[in-house]
Amino acid sequence: DYSSRRGESIDLLAVGGANSVWKTISSHNGENSILKTSKYLKAFDKDRLELYVLDAMVAGAEGNPQLFSLLQSENDVAKTSSSTSTPSSSSWNHIMPIYSHCYTATIAPVASGTLKEYVTTYPETHNGETIDPLDKLRLAVQVARGLYQMQMYRYGKPTFAHLDLNPNQYVVFHPQLQQSSNSERQHSDSNNDNNSNNIPVLQINDFNRGRFLHWDDQNNTCPFQFDGCDKNTRGSRWHAPDRFIGCIDVNERIDTFALGGIFFFLLSDGEPPFYNKRTFGDYIKEGEMPSVPKEAADRSGDHPAYEALSEMVVRCRALRIEDRPSSLEVVRMLEDKLRQVELGSM
């Protein structure tokens, strides 16, 4: 009915637990886009609406290059204080933009897939080869930049936490494969520092499990506890130990731990932390480090990029939340390591 009444071409791509995903082709300019809508079977109430609004607020504030970004004002802060030097965002954007949003419907660019799909299927599309260690480090820089950008730093402090970060939350764009429409060229040009390496552009999406952070009267970020923490202490392989313990105070560095899990995923050519364990909660709670599969370690273990990324896994997956680096510190360290490795390989 939609196609016949509006002159649009629309196809159902996937149905998830809460949403349906459609691919549309505009009758005006022939551009492709993704339409996400809530499933009819899901009850519509205030709490559910707030999840969609939260998702759109973050994507709208940080994902659209033409909109004012808190990241830009953060760069102004950096100019006045060397201790808060901030990576420049003028040449990259790792938050998936949205074209429009209305209640439970969102229109966004068409991605090639997720980071999980890209890494796990890479050998199938590259004659059995795995991702080069240097390219893994380059992808890790994008992953970290995305988290830093999403946490929306303001005056040197984060204002948002994702709380459910994993490789499926990063979508993949291959700019050279996108149609050459004006909007898509603008989308890819903003990330041209990644394209020269022949690797895809990564952008985070799906922010509706996150939360905005409060500050106290001293402008320090206030800790928080998860809703229902006294009833549910189960988590995924990507979650920090704090999620398995119960009602304890946490902060945005719970995302840093998940970041370390994604770095492990890159190192291991697509395996999650504790991929060889049926149960994993106790290992995570005790702060045990997961082991990279022997095949992956044998292939790349002596490469400086592998060593650099391995070090970041250990740093990010520190047991105590106060020992984990901030997303800003992770970006600084990774960019520095990438620079050193690239200079050494030239």
Protein backbone atom coordinates (compact mmCIF):
# COMPACT_ATOMS: atom_id res chain seq x y z
CA ASP A 1 0.00 0.00 0.00
CA TYR A 2 2.80 2.39 0.87
CA SER A 3 4.48 1.90 -2.51
CA SER A 4 1.32 2.37 -4.54
CA ARG A 5 0.09 5.42 -2.66
CA ARG A 6 3.35 7.33 -2.32
CA GLY A 7 5.23 6.26 -5.42
CA GLU A 8 8.07 4.83 -3.34
CA SER A 9 9.81 1.47 -3.60
CA ILE A 10 10.07 -0.24 -0.22
CA ASP A 11 11.27 -3.71 0.76
CA LEU A 12 11.36 -5.43 4.14
CA LEU A 13 14.96 -6.31 5.07
CA ALA A 14 14.72 -7.65 8.61
CA VAL A 15 12.51 -7.94 11.67
CA GLY A 16 14.09 -7.73 15.10
CA GLY A 17 12.78 -7.99 18.62
CA ALA A 18 11.39 -4.46 18.60
CA ASN A 19 11.75 -3.01 15.09
CA SER A 20 11.20 -3.73 11.43
CA VAL A 21 13.87 -2.53 8.98
CA TRP A 22 12.96 -1.51 5.43
CA LYS A 23 14.97 -0.40 2.42
CA THR A 24 13.40 2.45 0.48
CA ILE A 25 14.13 4.09 -2.85
CA SER A 26 12.92 7.65 -3.24
CA SER A 27 10.84 8.47 -6.30
CA HIS A 28 12.26 12.01 -6.21
CA ASN A 29 15.98 11.36 -6.62
CA GLY A 30 16.43 7.58 -6.62
CA GLU A 31 18.43 7.56 -3.38
CA ASN A 32 18.44 4.51 -1.12
CA SER A 33 17.74 4.83 2.59
CA ILE A 34 16.79 2.70 5.58
CA LEU A 35 13.47 3.08 7.36
CA LYS A 36 13.23 1.67 10.89
CA THR A 37 9.75 1.33 12.37
CA SER A 38 8.37 -0.13 15.57
CA LYS A 39 6.67 -3.51 15.29
CA TYR A 40 2.89 -3.36 15.62
CA LEU A 41 3.01 -6.13 18.21
CA LYS A 42 4.98 -3.93 20.60
CA ALA A 43 2.95 -1.88 23.05
CA PHE A 44 3.33 1.85 22.53
CA ASP A 45 3.70 3.80 25.76
CA LYS A 46 5.66 6.69 27.21
CA ASP A 47 8.67 4.58 28.21
CA ARG A 48 8.95 3.08 24.75
CA LEU A 49 8.64 6.45 23.08
CA GLU A 50 11.47 7.77 25.24
CA LEU A 51 13.77 5.04 23.90
CA TYR A 52 13.17 6.18 20.32
CA VAL A 53 13.58 9.83 21.24
CA LEU A 54 16.86 9.08 23.04
CA ASP A 55 18.17 7.26 19.98
CA ALA A 56 17.23 10.16 17.70
CA MET A 57 18.65 12.81 20.05
CA VAL A 58 22.14 11.30 20.08
CA ALA A 59 22.20 10.53 16.36
CA GLY A 60 20.82 13.95 15.54
CA ALA A 61 23.24 15.83 17.78
CA GLU A 62 26.41 13.94 16.84
CA GLY A 63 25.76 12.06 13.61
CA ASN A 64 24.79 14.86 11.27
CA PRO A 65 27.86 16.85 10.19
CA GLN A 66 25.74 19.87 9.27
CA LEU A 67 24.36 20.18 12.80
CA PHE A 68 26.21 21.84 15.66
CA SER A 69 28.23 19.27 17.55
CA LEU A 70 29.30 19.36 21.16
CA LEU A 71 32.55 17.90 19.91
CA GLN A 72 33.38 21.16 18.16
CA SER A 73 32.98 23.18 21.32
CA GLU A 74 35.16 20.63 23.06
CA ASN A 75 37.93 21.47 20.59
CA ASP A 76 37.68 25.09 21.70
CA VAL A 77 38.23 23.96 25.29
CA ALA A 78 41.28 21.99 24.18
CA LYS A 79 42.91 25.12 22.74
CA THR A 80 43.04 26.67 26.20
CA SER A 81 44.28 23.63 28.11
CA SER A 82 46.96 21.23 26.95
CA SER A 83 45.87 18.73 29.61
CA THR A 84 42.53 18.28 27.85
CA SER A 85 43.80 18.06 24.28
CA THR A 86 41.02 16.65 22.16
CA PRO A 87 41.25 14.76 18.86
CA SER A 88 40.08 16.91 15.98
CA SER A 89 36.72 15.85 14.58
CA SER A 90 36.92 18.01 11.47
CA SER A 91 37.76 15.09 9.18
CA TRP A 92 35.79 12.21 10.67
CA ASN A 93 32.37 11.24 11.91
CA HIS A 94 31.71 7.87 13.52
CA ILE A 95 28.09 8.32 14.58
CA MET A 96 25.55 7.15 12.00
CA PRO A 97 23.48 10.17 10.94
CA ILE A 98 19.73 10.14 10.54
CA TYR A 99 17.84 11.96 7.80
CA SER A 100 14.61 12.33 9.75
CA HIS A 101 12.80 11.03 12.82
CA CYS A 102 9.14 10.96 13.82
CA TYR A 103 8.00 9.12 16.94
CA THR A 104 8.96 5.48 16.30
CA ALA A 105 10.12 5.87 12.69
CA THR A 106 13.65 6.80 11.62
CA ILE A 107 15.20 7.25 8.17
CA ALA A 108 18.95 6.66 7.94
CA PRO A 109 21.68 5.88 5.36
CA VAL A 110 22.08 2.39 3.91
CA ALA A 111 25.04 0.56 5.46
CA SER A 112 26.88 -2.46 4.09
CA GLY A 113 26.42 -4.42 7.31
CA THR A 114 27.86 -4.49 10.83
CA LEU A 115 31.42 -4.69 12.09
CA LYS A 116 30.68 -8.23 13.27
CA GLU A 117 29.63 -9.27 9.78
CA TYR A 118 32.58 -7.50 8.17
CA VAL A 119 35.20 -9.23 10.34
CA THR A 120 33.66 -12.71 10.41
CA THR A 121 33.02 -12.86 6.65
CA TYR A 122 36.26 -11.17 5.59
CA PRO A 123 38.05 -14.44 4.66
CA GLU A 124 35.12 -15.45 2.44
CA THR A 125 35.49 -12.30 0.36
CA HIS A 126 39.31 -12.11 0.41
CA ASN A 127 40.44 -15.57 -0.71
CA GLY A 128 40.79 -16.91 2.82
CA GLU A 129 42.91 -14.00 4.05
CA THR A 130 42.25 -12.30 7.38
CA ILE A 131 42.37 -8.57 8.06
CA ASP A 132 45.90 -7.17 8.08
CA PRO A 133 47.08 -6.31 11.64
CA LEU A 134 47.72 -2.68 10.68
CA ASP A 135 44.19 -2.39 9.29
CA LYS A 136 42.86 -3.91 12.53
CA LEU A 137 44.59 -1.11 14.41
CA ARG A 138 43.08 1.43 12.03
CA LEU A 139 39.63 -0.04 12.61
CA ALA A 140 40.25 0.08 16.37
CA VAL A 141 40.98 3.81 16.10
CA GLN A 142 37.59 4.30 14.45
CA VAL A 143 35.87 2.18 17.11
CA ALA A 144 37.41 4.29 19.88
CA ARG A 145 36.66 7.58 18.12
CA GLY A 146 33.04 6.51 17.79
CA LEU A 147 32.71 5.88 21.52
CA TYR A 148 34.43 9.15 22.37
CA GLN A 149 32.21 11.08 19.97
CA MET A 150 29.07 9.35 21.25
CA GLN A 151 29.88 10.18 24.88
CA MET A 152 29.55 13.84 23.88
CA TYR A 153 32.26 15.41 25.99
CA ARG A 154 31.50 18.85 27.33
CA TYR A 155 34.17 20.88 29.14
CA GLY A 156 36.39 17.82 29.41
CA LYS A 157 33.71 15.48 30.78
CA PRO A 158 31.38 12.93 29.15
CA THR A 159 27.64 13.53 29.11
CA PHE A 160 26.35 10.19 27.75
CA ALA A 161 27.04 6.46 28.20
CA HIS A 162 26.07 3.75 25.70
CA LEU A 163 25.89 0.77 28.12
CA ASP A 164 25.47 -1.92 25.44
CA LEU A 165 28.49 -1.57 23.16
CA ASN A 166 29.43 -4.53 20.93
CA PRO A 167 30.47 -5.15 17.29
CA ASN A 168 26.85 -5.24 16.14
CA GLN A 169 26.40 -1.61 17.19
CA TYR A 170 28.97 -0.45 14.62
CA VAL A 171 27.69 -0.30 11.05
CA VAL A 172 30.00 -0.47 8.05
CA PHE A 173 30.06 1.89 5.09
CA HIS A 174 32.12 1.28 1.96
CA PRO A 175 32.12 4.76 0.38
CA GLN A 176 33.54 3.48 -2.89
CA LEU A 177 30.51 1.20 -3.22
CA GLN A 178 27.88 3.80 -2.35
CA GLN A 179 25.87 5.47 -5.07
CA SER A 180 27.38 8.78 -6.09
CA SER A 181 24.55 10.98 -4.89
CA ASN A 182 25.34 14.31 -3.27
CA SER A 183 24.31 13.21 0.20
CA GLU A 184 26.35 10.02 0.02
CA ARG A 185 29.40 11.89 -1.27
CA GLN A 186 29.08 14.26 1.67
CA HIS A 187 28.73 11.26 3.99
CA SER A 188 31.91 9.61 2.67
CA ASP A 189 33.96 12.79 2.30
CA SER A 190 33.67 13.49 6.02
CA ASN A 191 35.56 10.24 6.62
CA ASN A 192 38.14 10.39 3.83
CA ASP A 193 41.04 9.87 6.22
CA ASN A 194 39.89 6.25 6.60
CA ASN A 195 39.15 5.58 2.91
CA SER A 196 42.79 5.92 1.84
CA ASN A 197 43.56 2.79 3.86
CA ASN A 198 41.07 0.73 1.84
CA ILE A 199 39.09 -0.12 4.97
CA PRO A 200 35.45 0.72 5.60
CA VAL A 201 34.10 3.60 7.62
CA LEU A 202 32.61 2.55 10.97
CA GLN A 203 29.75 4.39 12.66
CA ILE A 204 27.86 3.62 15.88
CA ASN A 205 24.09 3.43 15.89
CA ASP A 206 21.38 2.31 18.34
CA PHE A 207 21.70 4.42 21.48
CA ASN A 208 18.38 3.69 23.16
CA ARG A 209 19.87 1.67 26.02
CA GLY A 210 22.16 4.52 26.99
CA ARG A 211 21.66 7.31 29.47
CA PHE A 212 22.59 10.93 29.93
CA LEU A 213 25.00 11.57 32.79
CA HIS A 214 24.50 14.03 35.64
CA TRP A 215 27.12 16.34 37.13
CA ASP A 216 27.43 17.45 40.73
CA ASP A 217 27.94 21.04 41.91
CA GLN A 218 31.69 20.60 41.37
CA ASN A 219 31.10 19.61 37.73
CA ASN A 220 32.17 16.03 38.40
CA THR A 221 30.32 13.22 36.64
CA CYS A 222 27.91 11.52 39.05
CA PRO A 223 27.97 7.71 39.31
CA PHE A 224 24.79 5.75 38.69
CA GLN A 225 23.31 2.28 39.14
CA PHE A 226 21.54 0.15 36.56
CA ASP A 227 17.77 -0.14 36.73
CA GLY A 228 16.82 -3.52 38.18
CA CYS A 229 20.38 -4.19 39.34
CA ASP A 230 19.07 -6.02 42.41
CA LYS A 231 17.17 -8.52 40.27
CA ASN A 232 19.29 -9.05 37.17
CA THR A 233 23.03 -9.61 37.42
CA ARG A 234 23.35 -11.40 34.10
CA GLY A 235 25.18 -9.81 31.21
CA SER A 236 26.68 -10.54 27.82
CA ARG A 237 30.26 -11.40 26.91
CA TRP A 238 30.81 -7.73 26.13
CA HIS A 239 29.65 -6.37 29.48
CA ALA A 240 31.93 -5.16 32.25
CA PRO A 241 32.29 -6.97 35.61
CA ASP A 242 30.20 -4.20 37.15
CA ARG A 243 27.12 -5.58 35.36
CA PHE A 244 27.48 -8.98 37.04
CA ILE A 245 27.96 -7.81 40.62
CA GLY A 246 24.65 -6.13 41.45
CA CYS A 247 23.87 -2.66 42.73
CA ILE A 248 27.16 -0.81 42.67
CA ASP A 249 28.02 2.68 41.44
CA VAL A 250 29.32 2.81 37.87
CA ASN A 251 30.18 5.51 35.35
CA GLU A 252 30.78 5.90 31.62
CA ARG A 253 33.96 3.80 31.80
CA ILE A 254 31.75 0.76 31.78
CA ASP A 255 31.80 1.43 28.01
CA THR A 256 35.60 1.34 28.03
CA PHE A 257 35.52 -2.29 29.15
CA ALA A 258 33.23 -3.18 26.24
CA LEU A 259 35.62 -1.31 23.96
CA GLY A 260 38.38 -3.69 25.07
CA GLY A 261 36.14 -6.59 24.11
CA ILE A 262 35.74 -5.19 20.59
CA PHE A 263 39.52 -4.81 20.31
CA PHE A 264 39.80 -8.49 21.32
CA PHE A 265 37.22 -9.32 18.64
CA LEU A 266 39.45 -7.64 16.03
CA LEU A 267 42.59 -9.40 17.28
CA SER A 268 40.91 -12.81 17.26
CA ASP A 269 39.48 -12.44 13.73
CA GLY A 270 35.89 -12.39 14.90
CA GLU A 271 35.73 -14.30 18.19
CA PRO A 272 34.07 -12.70 21.25
CA PRO A 273 35.76 -12.67 24.67
CA PHE A 274 35.73 -16.14 26.25
CA TYR A 275 34.49 -17.60 22.98
CA ASN A 276 35.68 -21.03 24.19
CA LYS A 277 33.77 -20.89 27.49
CA ARG A 278 30.15 -21.96 27.80
CA THR A 279 29.69 -19.74 30.85
CA PHE A 280 31.64 -16.53 31.17
CA GLY A 281 30.25 -14.46 34.05
CA ASP A 282 32.70 -15.70 36.69
CA TYR A 283 35.70 -15.12 34.43
CA ILE A 284 34.60 -11.55 33.79
CA LYS A 285 33.85 -10.85 37.47
CA GLU A 286 37.31 -12.09 38.46
CA GLY A 287 39.02 -9.87 35.89
CA GLU A 288 40.50 -12.71 33.87
CA MET A 289 41.79 -11.77 30.44
CA PRO A 290 40.45 -13.77 27.47
CA SER A 291 42.95 -15.64 25.30
CA VAL A 292 43.22 -14.95 21.57
CA PRO A 293 42.82 -18.12 19.46
CA LYS A 294 46.18 -19.73 18.70
CA GLU A 295 45.64 -19.48 14.94
CA ALA A 296 45.09 -15.72 15.11
CA ALA A 297 48.04 -15.21 17.46
CA ASP A 298 50.34 -17.29 15.24
CA ARG A 299 49.37 -15.27 12.17
CA SER A 300 49.95 -11.81 13.62
CA GLY A 301 51.47 -12.09 17.09
CA ASP A 302 54.84 -10.60 16.14
CA HIS A 303 53.37 -7.60 14.30
CA PRO A 304 53.74 -4.26 16.17
CA ALA A 305 50.10 -3.40 15.44
CA TYR A 306 49.01 -6.67 17.09
CA GLU A 307 51.14 -5.88 20.13
CA ALA A 308 49.75 -2.34 20.34
CA LEU A 309 46.15 -3.53 20.19
CA SER A 310 46.82 -6.32 22.69
CA GLU A 311 48.07 -3.73 25.17
CA MET A 312 44.86 -1.73 24.73
CA VAL A 313 42.75 -4.82 25.46
CA VAL A 314 44.49 -5.18 28.82
CA ARG A 315 44.16 -1.47 29.64
CA CYS A 316 40.49 -1.23 28.73
CA ARG A 317 39.47 -4.46 30.45
CA ALA A 318 40.86 -3.50 33.86
CA LEU A 319 38.80 -5.05 36.66
CA ARG A 320 38.38 -1.84 38.66
CA ILE A 321 36.43 0.85 36.86
CA GLU A 322 38.75 3.59 38.13
CA ASP A 323 41.72 1.84 36.48
CA ARG A 324 40.19 1.95 33.01
CA PRO A 325 41.11 4.84 30.70
CA SER A 326 38.45 7.23 29.49
CA SER A 327 37.33 7.06 25.87
CA LEU A 328 39.28 10.28 25.25
CA GLU A 329 42.45 8.69 26.66
CA VAL A 330 41.89 5.57 24.55
CA VAL A 331 41.64 7.66 21.37
CA ARG A 332 44.84 9.52 22.26
CA MET A 333 46.74 6.29 22.96
CA LEU A 334 45.50 4.49 19.84
CA GLU A 335 46.19 7.42 17.53
CA ASP A 336 49.70 7.64 18.97
CA LYS A 337 50.27 3.89 18.58
CA LEU A 338 48.95 3.93 15.01
CA ARG A 339 51.26 6.81 14.15
CA GLN A 340 54.27 4.96 15.56
CA VAL A 341 53.41 1.69 13.79
CA GLU A 342 52.82 3.43 10.45
CA LEU A 343 56.13 5.28 10.70
CA GLY A 344 57.91 2.06 11.58
CA SER A 345 56.41 0.21 8.62
CA MET A 346 57.35 2.83 6.05
